[in-house]
Amino acid sequence: MLDELESLVDKALVQVDGQGDRFRMLETIRQYRSGAARAAAETGESGLKHARRIAAVAGEIRPTVVG
């Protein structure tokens, strides 16, 4: 995960705060993502995508928890 954060910092999409132990998203990026999340929720796309992901994870771990 640190590599992904470093990549976002290099692209100036995320900033490092303080002593380098905290990160924050640029306000314009946060606002864009917030609007995109609202739009997805309005169409029901977000909930369906989440449900599909949870079902996939449940299917993957089922053999280890059943029995």
C-alpha atoms as a PDB file:
ATOM      1  CA  MET A   1       0.000   0.000   0.000  1.00  0.00           C
ATOM      2  CA  LEU A   2       2.891   2.341   0.672  1.00  0.00           C
ATOM      3  CA  ASP A   3       3.990   2.065  -2.966  1.00  0.00           C
ATOM      4  CA  GLU A   4       0.537   3.180  -4.113  1.00  0.00           C
ATOM      5  CA  LEU A   5       0.587   6.140  -1.725  1.00  0.00           C
ATOM      6  CA  GLU A   6       4.054   7.140  -2.891  1.00  0.00           C
ATOM      7  CA  SER A   7       2.846   6.977  -6.483  1.00  0.00           C
ATOM      8  CA  LEU A   8      -0.068   9.294  -5.663  1.00  0.00           C
ATOM      9  CA  VAL A   9       2.296  11.718  -3.900  1.00  0.00           C
ATOM     10  CA  ASP A  10       4.624  11.680  -6.931  1.00  0.00           C
ATOM     11  CA  LYS A  11       1.648  12.547  -9.145  1.00  0.00           C
ATOM     12  CA  ALA A  12       0.623  15.368  -6.764  1.00  0.00           C
ATOM     13  CA  LEU A  13      -2.767  13.755  -6.062  1.00  0.00           C
ATOM     14  CA  VAL A  14      -2.012  13.222  -2.365  1.00  0.00           C
ATOM     15  CA  GLN A  15       0.064  15.378  -0.030  1.00  0.00           C
ATOM     16  CA  VAL A  16       2.188  14.375   2.948  1.00  0.00           C
ATOM     17  CA  ASP A  17       1.359  16.157   6.217  1.00  0.00           C
ATOM     18  CA  GLY A  18       3.498  16.684   9.287  1.00  0.00           C
ATOM     19  CA  GLN A  19       6.460  14.375   9.743  1.00  0.00           C
ATOM     20  CA  GLY A  20       5.559  12.257   6.718  1.00  0.00           C
ATOM     21  CA  ASP A  21       3.352   9.894   8.686  1.00  0.00           C
ATOM     22  CA  ARG A  22       0.029  11.282   7.485  1.00  0.00           C
ATOM     23  CA  PHE A  23      -1.403  11.765   4.019  1.00  0.00           C
ATOM     24  CA  ARG A  24      -4.235  13.884   2.750  1.00  0.00           C
ATOM     25  CA  MET A  25      -6.055  14.021  -0.523  1.00  0.00           C
ATOM     26  CA  LEU A  26      -6.096  17.282  -2.446  1.00  0.00           C
ATOM     27  CA  GLU A  27      -9.395  19.071  -1.891  1.00  0.00           C
ATOM     28  CA  THR A  28     -10.253  19.151  -5.608  1.00  0.00           C
ATOM     29  CA  ILE A  29      -9.700  15.388  -5.893  1.00  0.00           C
ATOM     30  CA  ARG A  30     -11.770  14.761  -2.754  1.00  0.00           C
ATOM     31  CA  GLN A  31     -14.622  16.895  -4.104  1.00  0.00           C
ATOM     32  CA  TYR A  32     -14.541  15.104  -7.464  1.00  0.00           C
ATOM     33  CA  ARG A  33     -14.584  11.675  -5.812  1.00  0.00           C
ATOM     34  CA  SER A  34     -17.363  12.711  -3.464  1.00  0.00           C
ATOM     35  CA  GLY A  35     -19.482  13.804  -6.425  1.00  0.00           C
ATOM     36  CA  ALA A  36     -18.725  10.595  -8.321  1.00  0.00           C
ATOM     37  CA  ALA A  37     -19.703   8.519  -5.278  1.00  0.00           C
ATOM     38  CA  ARG A  38     -22.991  10.403  -4.959  1.00  0.00           C
ATOM     39  CA  ALA A  39     -23.741   9.866  -8.654  1.00  0.00           C
ATOM     40  CA  ALA A  40     -23.026   6.145  -8.365  1.00  0.00           C
ATOM     41  CA  ALA A  41     -25.244   5.876  -5.293  1.00  0.00           C
ATOM     42  CA  GLU A  42     -28.083   7.635  -7.116  1.00  0.00           C
ATOM     43  CA  THR A  43     -27.995   5.009  -9.852  1.00  0.00           C
ATOM     44  CA  GLY A  44     -27.644   2.135  -7.388  1.00  0.00           C
ATOM     45  CA  GLU A  45     -24.393   1.168  -9.076  1.00  0.00           C
ATOM     46  CA  SER A  46     -22.333   1.519  -5.915  1.00  0.00           C
ATOM     47  CA  GLY A  47     -24.421  -0.870  -3.824  1.00  0.00           C
ATOM     48  CA  LEU A  48     -24.558  -3.481  -6.562  1.00  0.00           C
ATOM     49  CA  LYS A  49     -20.811  -3.324  -7.103  1.00  0.00           C
ATOM     50  CA  HIS A  50     -20.226  -3.707  -3.355  1.00  0.00           C
ATOM     51  CA  ALA A  51     -22.625  -6.645  -3.121  1.00  0.00           C
ATOM     52  CA  ARG A  52     -20.882  -8.424  -6.001  1.00  0.00           C
ATOM     53  CA  ARG A  53     -17.488  -7.948  -4.370  1.00  0.00           C
ATOM     54  CA  ILE A  54     -18.694  -9.267  -1.000  1.00  0.00           C
ATOM     55  CA  ALA A  55     -20.257 -12.294  -2.721  1.00  0.00           C
ATOM     56  CA  ALA A  56     -16.981 -13.001  -4.522  1.00  0.00           C
ATOM     57  CA  VAL A  57     -14.982 -12.777  -1.290  1.00  0.00           C
ATOM     58  CA  ALA A  58     -17.482 -15.038   0.481  1.00  0.00           C
ATOM     59  CA  GLY A  59     -17.134 -17.586  -2.299  1.00  0.00           C
ATOM     60  CA  GLU A  60     -13.336 -17.468  -2.042  1.00  0.00           C
ATOM     61  CA  ILE A  61     -13.212 -18.010   1.720  1.00  0.00           C
ATOM     62  CA  ARG A  62     -16.090 -20.493   1.976  1.00  0.00           C
ATOM     63  CA  PRO A  63     -13.884 -23.614   1.813  1.00  0.00           C
ATOM     64  CA  THR A  64     -11.886 -22.380   4.823  1.00  0.00           C
ATOM     65  CA  VAL A  65     -14.896 -21.578   7.028  1.00  0.00           C
ATOM     66  CA  VAL A  66     -17.288 -24.424   6.207  1.00  0.00           C
ATOM     67  CA  GLY A  67     -16.829 -27.759   7.857  1.00  0.00           C
END
